[in-house]
Protein backbone atom coordinates (compact mmCIF):
# COMPACT_ATOMS: atom_id res chain seq x y z
CA MET A 1 21.07 -11.38 -30.63
CA ILE A 2 18.36 -10.93 -28.05
CA VAL A 3 17.68 -6.99 -27.29
CA THR A 4 15.48 -6.45 -24.36
CA THR A 5 14.31 -3.74 -21.98
CA THR A 6 14.00 -6.00 -19.10
CA PRO A 7 16.93 -6.89 -16.69
CA SER A 8 17.13 -10.62 -17.82
CA VAL A 9 16.14 -12.95 -20.52
CA GLU A 10 12.95 -14.96 -19.04
CA GLY A 11 14.09 -18.82 -19.02
CA GLN A 12 17.88 -18.11 -19.95
CA ARG A 13 20.71 -17.79 -17.35
CA ILE A 14 23.05 -14.77 -17.54
CA THR A 15 26.42 -16.04 -17.44
CA ARG A 16 28.70 -13.06 -17.92
CA TYR A 17 28.16 -9.49 -17.97
CA LEU A 18 30.46 -7.73 -20.51
CA GLY A 19 29.52 -4.10 -19.96
CA LEU A 20 27.88 -1.30 -21.27
CA VAL A 21 27.04 -0.76 -25.00
CA THR A 22 25.68 2.44 -26.66
CA GLY A 23 24.41 3.16 -30.22
CA GLU A 24 23.54 6.56 -31.32
CA ALA A 25 21.81 8.43 -34.36
CA ILE A 26 21.63 11.89 -34.91
CA LEU A 27 19.07 13.64 -37.47
CA GLY A 28 20.36 16.92 -38.89
CA ALA A 29 18.25 20.29 -39.08
CA ASN A 30 17.80 19.78 -42.96
CA VAL A 31 15.72 16.55 -42.11
CA PHE A 32 13.38 18.41 -40.09
CA LYS A 33 12.87 21.22 -42.79
CA ASP A 34 12.45 18.44 -45.35
CA LEU A 35 10.01 16.69 -42.99
CA PHE A 36 7.76 19.80 -42.41
CA ALA A 37 7.91 20.76 -46.27
CA GLY A 38 5.70 17.68 -46.46
CA ILE A 39 3.25 18.87 -43.90
CA ARG A 40 0.50 17.31 -46.38
CA ASP A 41 1.58 13.94 -44.76
CA ILE A 42 -0.13 15.30 -41.48
CA VAL A 43 -3.32 13.16 -40.84
CA GLY A 44 -4.81 13.56 -37.32
CA GLY A 45 -1.95 15.38 -35.86
CA ARG A 46 0.56 12.79 -37.05
CA SER A 47 3.07 13.14 -39.62
CA GLY A 48 3.91 9.59 -41.33
CA THR A 49 7.12 11.04 -42.77
CA TYR A 50 8.57 12.22 -39.27
CA GLU A 51 7.62 9.08 -37.59
CA ARG A 52 9.43 6.96 -40.26
CA GLU A 53 12.56 9.29 -39.70
CA LEU A 54 12.20 8.51 -35.84
CA GLN A 55 11.81 4.86 -36.53
CA ARG A 56 15.04 4.92 -39.09
CA ALA A 57 17.05 6.65 -36.32
CA ARG A 58 15.90 4.19 -33.62
CA ASP A 59 16.75 1.15 -36.00
CA ILE A 60 20.40 2.56 -36.44
CA ALA A 61 20.81 3.30 -32.79
CA VAL A 62 19.74 -0.30 -31.84
CA GLN A 63 21.92 -1.82 -34.74
CA GLU A 64 24.97 0.06 -33.43
CA LEU A 65 24.33 -1.25 -30.00
CA THR A 66 23.85 -4.90 -31.20
CA GLU A 67 27.04 -4.48 -33.45
CA ARG A 68 29.19 -3.34 -30.27
CA ALA A 69 27.74 -6.11 -27.85
CA ARG A 70 28.52 -8.75 -30.61
CA ALA A 71 32.25 -7.51 -30.70
CA LEU A 72 32.35 -7.95 -26.76
CA GLY A 73 31.22 -11.67 -27.46
CA ALA A 74 27.73 -10.95 -26.24
CA ASN A 75 24.53 -12.88 -27.46
CA ALA A 76 21.95 -10.57 -25.59
CA VAL A 77 21.77 -7.09 -24.47
CA VAL A 78 19.64 -6.43 -21.42
CA GLY A 79 18.09 -3.22 -19.80
CA VAL A 80 18.05 -1.39 -22.94
CA ASP A 81 16.96 2.34 -22.76
CA LEU A 82 16.13 4.48 -25.77
CA ASP A 83 16.55 8.34 -25.25
CA TYR A 84 15.66 11.03 -27.27
CA GLU A 85 17.36 14.38 -27.14
CA VAL A 86 17.19 17.80 -29.15
CA LEU A 87 20.49 19.28 -29.67
CA GLY A 88 20.76 23.04 -30.15
CA GLN A 89 18.30 25.75 -30.29
CA GLY A 90 15.78 26.25 -33.17
CA ASN A 91 17.65 24.63 -35.88
CA GLY A 92 19.12 21.84 -33.72
CA MET A 93 19.25 18.26 -34.31
CA LEU A 94 17.57 15.16 -32.86
CA MET A 95 19.61 12.54 -31.33
CA VAL A 96 18.51 9.02 -30.74
CA SER A 97 20.78 7.03 -28.29
CA ALA A 98 20.28 3.46 -27.04
CA SER A 99 22.30 1.75 -24.08
CA GLY A 100 22.00 -1.46 -22.32
CA THR A 101 24.38 -3.98 -20.75
CA ALA A 102 25.89 -6.74 -23.18
CA VAL A 103 25.59 -10.33 -21.63
CA VAL A 104 26.28 -13.90 -22.52
CA VAL A 105 22.93 -16.07 -21.59
CA GLU A 106 22.64 -19.64 -21.95
């Protein structure tokens, strides 16, 4: 499955547009408490633990996106956009969402 942020796949022609596909992942407040409990991971202002959790959330969102595209008969997703949103105040959650257009390319 080709997944790209560009509106097309270089060297390939889009033959069918199958529609919008999305994938989401939400990290709960407990994840953040656990992450900040490991504050010693922070080096130079970065937290390796926090970054790994964000990567895991991105991976889940993109995996859902590709599964939904595959179910429509797509072999590529173009125009992919990743968004990050904090839900709630203080003890909120972080949502990572991926969206794009499922297409068939040849």
